[in-house]
PDB file of N, CA and C in Angstrom:
ATOM      1  N   MET A   1      12.861  51.954  20.839  1.00  0.00           N
ATOM      2  CA  MET A   1      13.890  52.083  21.835  1.00  0.00           C
ATOM      3  C   MET A   1      13.279  51.797  23.212  1.00  0.00           C
ATOM      4  N   PRO A   2      13.827  50.835  23.943  1.00  0.00           N
ATOM      5  CA  PRO A   2      13.298  50.505  25.274  1.00  0.00           C
ATOM      6  C   PRO A   2      13.598  51.630  26.262  1.00  0.00           C
ATOM      7  N   THR A   3      12.683  51.821  27.162  1.00  0.00           N
ATOM      8  CA  THR A   3      12.890  52.838  28.198  1.00  0.00           C
ATOM      9  C   THR A   3      13.295  52.151  29.485  1.00  0.00           C
ATOM     10  N   ASN A   4      14.142  52.801  30.206  1.00  0.00           N
ATOM     11  CA  ASN A   4      14.584  52.284  31.499  1.00  0.00           C
ATOM     12  C   ASN A   4      13.807  52.976  32.601  1.00  0.00           C
ATOM     13  N   ILE A   5      13.232  52.176  33.470  1.00  0.00           N
ATOM     14  CA  ILE A   5      12.511  52.723  34.615  1.00  0.00           C
ATOM     15  C   ILE A   5      13.482  52.754  35.784  1.00  0.00           C
ATOM     16  N   GLY A   6      13.585  53.896  36.398  1.00  0.00           N
ATOM     17  CA  GLY A   6      14.509  54.047  37.518  1.00  0.00           C
ATOM     18  C   GLY A   6      14.043  53.299  38.744  1.00  0.00           C
ATOM     19  N   THR A   7      14.966  53.090  39.650  1.00  0.00           N
ATOM     20  CA  THR A   7      14.667  52.377  40.897  1.00  0.00           C
ATOM     21  C   THR A   7      13.599  53.099  41.701  1.00  0.00           C
ATOM     22  N   ALA A   8      13.644  54.414  41.729  1.00  0.00           N
ATOM     23  CA  ALA A   8      12.664  55.186  42.498  1.00  0.00           C
ATOM     24  C   ALA A   8      11.266  55.010  41.910  1.00  0.00           C
ATOM     25  N   GLN A   9      11.169  54.988  40.583  1.00  0.00           N
ATOM     26  CA  GLN A   9       9.858  54.805  39.960  1.00  0.00           C
ATOM     27  C   GLN A   9       9.312  53.414  40.219  1.00  0.00           C
ATOM     28  N   ARG A  10      10.169  52.398  40.138  1.00  0.00           N
ATOM     29  CA  ARG A  10       9.728  51.029  40.431  1.00  0.00           C
ATOM     30  C   ARG A  10       9.279  50.911  41.879  1.00  0.00           C
ATOM     31  N   SER A  11      10.036  51.527  42.771  1.00  0.00           N
ATOM     32  CA  SER A  11       9.700  51.477  44.190  1.00  0.00           C
ATOM     33  C   SER A  11       8.368  52.179  44.447  1.00  0.00           C
ATOM     34  N   SER A  12       8.165  53.312  43.777  1.00  0.00           N
ATOM     35  CA  SER A  12       6.922  54.058  43.935  1.00  0.00           C
ATOM     36  C   SER A  12       5.736  53.238  43.417  1.00  0.00           C
ATOM     37  N   HIS A  13       5.907  52.606  42.278  1.00  0.00           N
ATOM     38  CA  HIS A  13       4.847  51.775  41.704  1.00  0.00           C
ATOM     39  C   HIS A  13       4.547  50.594  42.622  1.00  0.00           C
ATOM     40  N   ARG A  14       5.571  49.973  43.151  1.00  0.00           N
ATOM     41  CA  ARG A  14       5.397  48.830  44.052  1.00  0.00           C
ATOM     42  C   ARG A  14       4.667  49.273  45.320  1.00  0.00           C
ATOM     43  N   GLN A  15       5.004  50.458  45.832  1.00  0.00           N
ATOM     44  CA  GLN A  15       4.357  50.974  47.044  1.00  0.00           C
ATOM     45  C   GLN A  15       2.867  51.227  46.775  1.00  0.00           C
ATOM     46  N   ARG A  16       2.548  51.806  45.607  1.00  0.00           N
ATOM     47  CA  ARG A  16       1.140  52.047  45.274  1.00  0.00           C
ATOM     48  C   ARG A  16       0.384  50.730  45.155  1.00  0.00           C
ATOM     49  N   ALA A  17       1.002  49.730  44.571  1.00  0.00           N
ATOM     50  CA  ALA A  17       0.362  48.416  44.434  1.00  0.00           C
ATOM     51  C   ALA A  17       0.111  47.799  45.803  1.00  0.00           C
ATOM     52  N   GLU A  18       1.077  47.917  46.705  1.00  0.00           N
ATOM     53  CA  GLU A  18       0.904  47.368  48.058  1.00  0.00           C
ATOM     54  C   GLU A  18      -0.196  48.117  48.798  1.00  0.00           C
ATOM     55  N   ASP A  19      -0.247  49.446  48.640  1.00  0.00           N
ATOM     56  CA  ASP A  19      -1.306  50.229  49.285  1.00  0.00           C
ATOM     57  C   ASP A  19      -2.676  49.835  48.746  1.00  0.00           C
ATOM     58  N   SER A  20      -2.754  49.620  47.435  1.00  0.00           N
ATOM     59  CA  SER A  20      -4.016  49.216  46.819  1.00  0.00           C
ATOM     60  C   SER A  20      -4.438  47.842  47.330  1.00  0.00           C
ATOM     61  N   ASN A  21      -3.495  46.928  47.425  1.00  0.00           N
ATOM     62  CA  ASN A  21      -3.801  45.587  47.943  1.00  0.00           C
ATOM     63  C   ASN A  21      -4.271  45.655  49.385  1.00  0.00           C
ATOM     64  N   ARG A  22      -3.633  46.509  50.178  1.00  0.00           N
ATOM     65  CA  ARG A  22      -4.024  46.663  51.576  1.00  0.00           C
ATOM     66  C   ARG A  22      -5.439  47.213  51.683  1.00  0.00           C
ATOM     67  N   ALA A  23      -5.764  48.192  50.851  1.00  0.00           N
ATOM     68  CA  ALA A  23      -7.103  48.781  50.869  1.00  0.00           C
ATOM     69  C   ALA A  23      -8.146  47.745  50.464  1.00  0.00           C
ATOM     70  N   GLU A  24      -7.863  46.985  49.412  1.00  0.00           N
ATOM     71  CA  GLU A  24      -8.803  45.957  48.973  1.00  0.00           C
ATOM     72  C   GLU A  24      -8.981  44.885  50.035  1.00  0.00           C
ATOM     73  N   SER A  25      -7.922  44.526  50.718  1.00  0.00           N
ATOM     74  CA  SER A  25      -8.026  43.530  51.792  1.00  0.00           C
ATOM     75  C   SER A  25      -8.880  44.056  52.933  1.00  0.00           C
ATOM     76  N   GLY A  26      -8.729  45.332  53.252  1.00  0.00           N
ATOM     77  CA  GLY A  26      -9.532  45.940  54.313  1.00  0.00           C
ATOM     78  C   GLY A  26     -11.011  45.936  53.964  1.00  0.00           C
ATOM     79  N   ILE A  27     -11.336  46.279  52.729  1.00  0.00           N
ATOM     80  CA  ILE A  27     -12.729  46.284  52.292  1.00  0.00           C
ATOM     81  C   ILE A  27     -13.295  44.869  52.302  1.00  0.00           C
ATOM     82  N   ALA A  28     -12.528  43.909  51.829  1.00  0.00           N
ATOM     83  CA  ALA A  28     -12.977  42.519  51.829  1.00  0.00           C
ATOM     84  C   ALA A  28     -13.223  42.030  53.259  1.00  0.00           C
ATOM     85  N   THR A  29     -12.370  42.431  54.186  1.00  0.00           N
ATOM     86  CA  THR A  29     -12.538  42.043  55.591  1.00  0.00           C
ATOM     87  C   THR A  29     -13.815  42.637  56.165  1.00  0.00           C
ATOM     88  N   LEU A  30     -14.095  43.907  55.852  1.00  0.00           N
ATOM     89  CA  LEU A  30     -15.326  44.530  56.341  1.00  0.00           C
ATOM     90  C   LEU A  30     -16.562  43.817  55.807  1.00  0.00           C
ATOM     91  N   TRP A  31     -16.565  43.442  54.527  1.00  0.00           N
ATOM     92  CA  TRP A  31     -17.689  42.708  53.961  1.00  0.00           C
ATOM     93  C   TRP A  31     -17.833  41.341  54.622  1.00  0.00           C
ATOM     94  N   LEU A  32     -16.715  40.686  54.879  1.00  0.00           N
ATOM     95  CA  LEU A  32     -16.765  39.376  55.530  1.00  0.00           C
ATOM     96  C   LEU A  32     -17.380  39.486  56.921  1.00  0.00           C
ATOM     97  N   VAL A  33     -16.987  40.498  57.670  1.00  0.00           N
ATOM     98  CA  VAL A  33     -17.556  40.710  59.003  1.00  0.00           C
ATOM     99  C   VAL A  33     -19.047  40.999  58.900  1.00  0.00           C
ATOM    100  N   PHE A  34     -19.425  41.858  57.937  1.00  0.00           N
ATOM    101  CA  PHE A  34     -20.837  42.177  57.739  1.00  0.00           C
ATOM    102  C   PHE A  34     -21.654  40.923  57.448  1.00  0.00           C
ATOM    103  N   TYR A  35     -21.171  40.090  56.534  1.00  0.00           N
ATOM    104  CA  TYR A  35     -21.896  38.866  56.200  1.00  0.00           C
ATOM    105  C   TYR A  35     -21.943  37.898  57.379  1.00  0.00           C
ATOM    106  N   ALA A  36     -20.875  37.815  58.147  1.00  0.00           N
ATOM    107  CA  ALA A  36     -20.859  36.924  59.310  1.00  0.00           C
ATOM    108  C   ALA A  36     -21.884  37.380  60.341  1.00  0.00           C
ATOM    109  N   VAL A  37     -21.968  38.683  60.578  1.00  0.00           N
ATOM    110  CA  VAL A  37     -22.955  39.212  61.529  1.00  0.00           C
ATOM    111  C   VAL A  37     -24.366  38.969  61.001  1.00  0.00           C
ATOM    112  N   ALA A  38     -24.581  39.233  59.719  1.00  0.00           N
ATOM    113  CA  ALA A  38     -25.908  39.013  59.135  1.00  0.00           C
ATOM    114  C   ALA A  38     -26.313  37.548  59.229  1.00  0.00           C
ATOM    115  N   LEU A  39     -25.385  36.649  58.973  1.00  0.00           N
ATOM    116  CA  LEU A  39     -25.673  35.222  59.078  1.00  0.00           C
ATOM    117  C   LEU A  39     -25.984  34.845  60.520  1.00  0.00           C
ATOM    118  N   GLY A  40     -25.228  35.389  61.458  1.00  0.00           N
ATOM    119  CA  GLY A  40     -25.484  35.123  62.869  1.00  0.00           C
ATOM    120  C   GLY A  40     -26.857  35.597  63.300  1.00  0.00           C
ATOM    121  N   VAL A  41     -27.256  36.769  62.839  1.00  0.00           N
ATOM    122  CA  VAL A  41     -28.588  37.294  63.171  1.00  0.00           C
ATOM    123  C   VAL A  41     -29.670  36.422  62.531  1.00  0.00           C
ATOM    124  N   ALA A  42     -29.467  36.022  61.289  1.00  0.00           N
ATOM    125  CA  ALA A  42     -30.464  35.206  60.600  1.00  0.00           C
ATOM    126  C   ALA A  42     -30.641  33.850  61.274  1.00  0.00           C
ATOM    127  N   ILE A  43     -29.566  33.301  61.792  1.00  0.00           N
ATOM    128  CA  ILE A  43     -29.647  31.994  62.450  1.00  0.00           C
ATOM    129  C   ILE A  43     -30.222  32.123  63.862  1.00  0.00           C
ATOM    130  N   SER A  44     -29.798  33.139  64.589  1.00  0.00           N
ATOM    131  CA  SER A  44     -30.220  33.248  65.987  1.00  0.00           C
ATOM    132  C   SER A  44     -31.595  33.865  66.168  1.00  0.00           C
ATOM    133  N   SER A  45     -32.079  34.606  65.218  1.00  0.00           N
ATOM    134  CA  SER A  45     -33.369  35.269  65.352  1.00  0.00           C
ATOM    135  C   SER A  45     -34.519  34.301  65.630  1.00  0.00           C
ATOM    136  N   PRO A  46     -34.665  33.226  64.860  1.00  0.00           N
ATOM    137  CA  PRO A  46     -35.750  32.284  65.178  1.00  0.00           C
ATOM    138  C   PRO A  46     -35.562  31.621  66.546  1.00  0.00           C
ATOM    139  N   LEU A  47     -34.328  31.364  66.905  1.00  0.00           N
ATOM    140  CA  LEU A  47     -34.071  30.740  68.207  1.00  0.00           C
ATOM    141  C   LEU A  47     -34.475  31.673  69.347  1.00  0.00           C
ATOM    142  N   ILE A  48     -34.130  32.931  69.216  1.00  0.00           N
ATOM    143  CA  ILE A  48     -34.493  33.908  70.250  1.00  0.00           C
ATOM    144  C   ILE A  48     -36.002  34.074  70.311  1.00  0.00           C
ATOM    145  N   SER A  49     -36.636  34.103  69.149  1.00  0.00           N
ATOM    146  CA  SER A  49     -38.090  34.226  69.094  1.00  0.00           C
ATOM    147  C   SER A  49     -38.766  33.053  69.790  1.00  0.00           C
ATOM    148  N   ARG A  50     -38.285  31.851  69.527  1.00  0.00           N
ATOM    149  CA  ARG A  50     -38.861  30.660  70.180  1.00  0.00           C
ATOM    150  C   ARG A  50     -38.621  30.689  71.682  1.00  0.00           C
ATOM    151  N   ALA A  51     -37.465  31.157  72.100  1.00  0.00           N
ATOM    152  CA  ALA A  51     -37.179  31.235  73.535  1.00  0.00           C
ATOM    153  C   ALA A  51     -38.117  32.224  74.220  1.00  0.00           C
ATOM    154  N   ILE A  52     -38.388  33.340  73.583  1.00  0.00           N
ATOM    155  CA  ILE A  52     -39.312  34.327  74.157  1.00  0.00           C
ATOM    156  C   ILE A  52     -40.723  33.744  74.214  1.00  0.00           C
ATOM    157  N   GLU A  53     -41.125  33.081  73.146  1.00  0.00           N
ATOM    158  CA  GLU A  53     -42.455  32.470  73.118  1.00  0.00           C
ATOM    159  C   GLU A  53     -42.579  31.399  74.193  1.00  0.00           C
ATOM    160  N   PHE A  54     -41.565  30.557  74.329  1.00  0.00           N
ATOM    161  CA  PHE A  54     -41.575  29.510  75.348  1.00  0.00           C
ATOM    162  C   PHE A  54     -41.664  30.111  76.744  1.00  0.00           C
ATOM    163  N   THR A  55     -40.904  31.159  76.983  1.00  0.00           N
ATOM    164  CA  THR A  55     -40.924  31.823  78.288  1.00  0.00           C
ATOM    165  C   THR A  55     -42.304  32.407  78.565  1.00  0.00           C
ATOM    166  N   ALA A  56     -42.919  33.005  77.556  1.00  0.00           N
ATOM    167  CA  ALA A  56     -44.252  33.585  77.737  1.00  0.00           C
ATOM    168  C   ALA A  56     -45.291  32.502  78.013  1.00  0.00           C
ATOM    169  N   LEU A  57     -45.161  31.357  77.363  1.00  0.00           N
ATOM    170  CA  LEU A  57     -46.135  30.282  77.569  1.00  0.00           C
ATOM    171  C   LEU A  57     -45.984  29.595  78.916  1.00  0.00           C
ATOM    172  N   THR A  58     -44.796  29.541  79.449  1.00  0.00           N
ATOM    173  CA  THR A  58     -44.563  28.836  80.706  1.00  0.00           C
ATOM    174  C   THR A  58     -44.586  29.766  81.911  1.00  0.00           C
ATOM    175  N   ARG A  59     -44.794  31.034  81.693  1.00  0.00           N
ATOM    176  CA  ARG A  59     -44.773  31.995  82.806  1.00  0.00           C
ATOM    177  C   ARG A  59     -46.069  31.871  83.620  1.00  0.00           C
ATOM    178  N   ASP A  60     -45.926  31.936  84.935  1.00  0.00           N
ATOM    179  CA  ASP A  60     -47.086  31.904  85.837  1.00  0.00           C
ATOM    180  C   ASP A  60     -47.626  33.319  85.984  1.00  0.00           C
ATOM    181  N   TYR A  61     -48.933  33.439  85.852  1.00  0.00           N
ATOM    182  CA  TYR A  61     -49.569  34.757  86.014  1.00  0.00           C
ATOM    183  C   TYR A  61     -50.158  34.883  87.373  1.00  0.00           C
TER     184      TYR A  61
END
């Protein structure tokens, strides 16, 4: 015998699914930001190091 799911139950299930999707999207966004910052640091670190070294070598004492 098939069971009928009421409108309130369907709405509640849909709301939980939307909340879960929102939470997963938030976590994915945080990881994306973390990786973007890490990539930026990895790329800029050698450049900053070379700039400091260049400044130290060209500085008048």
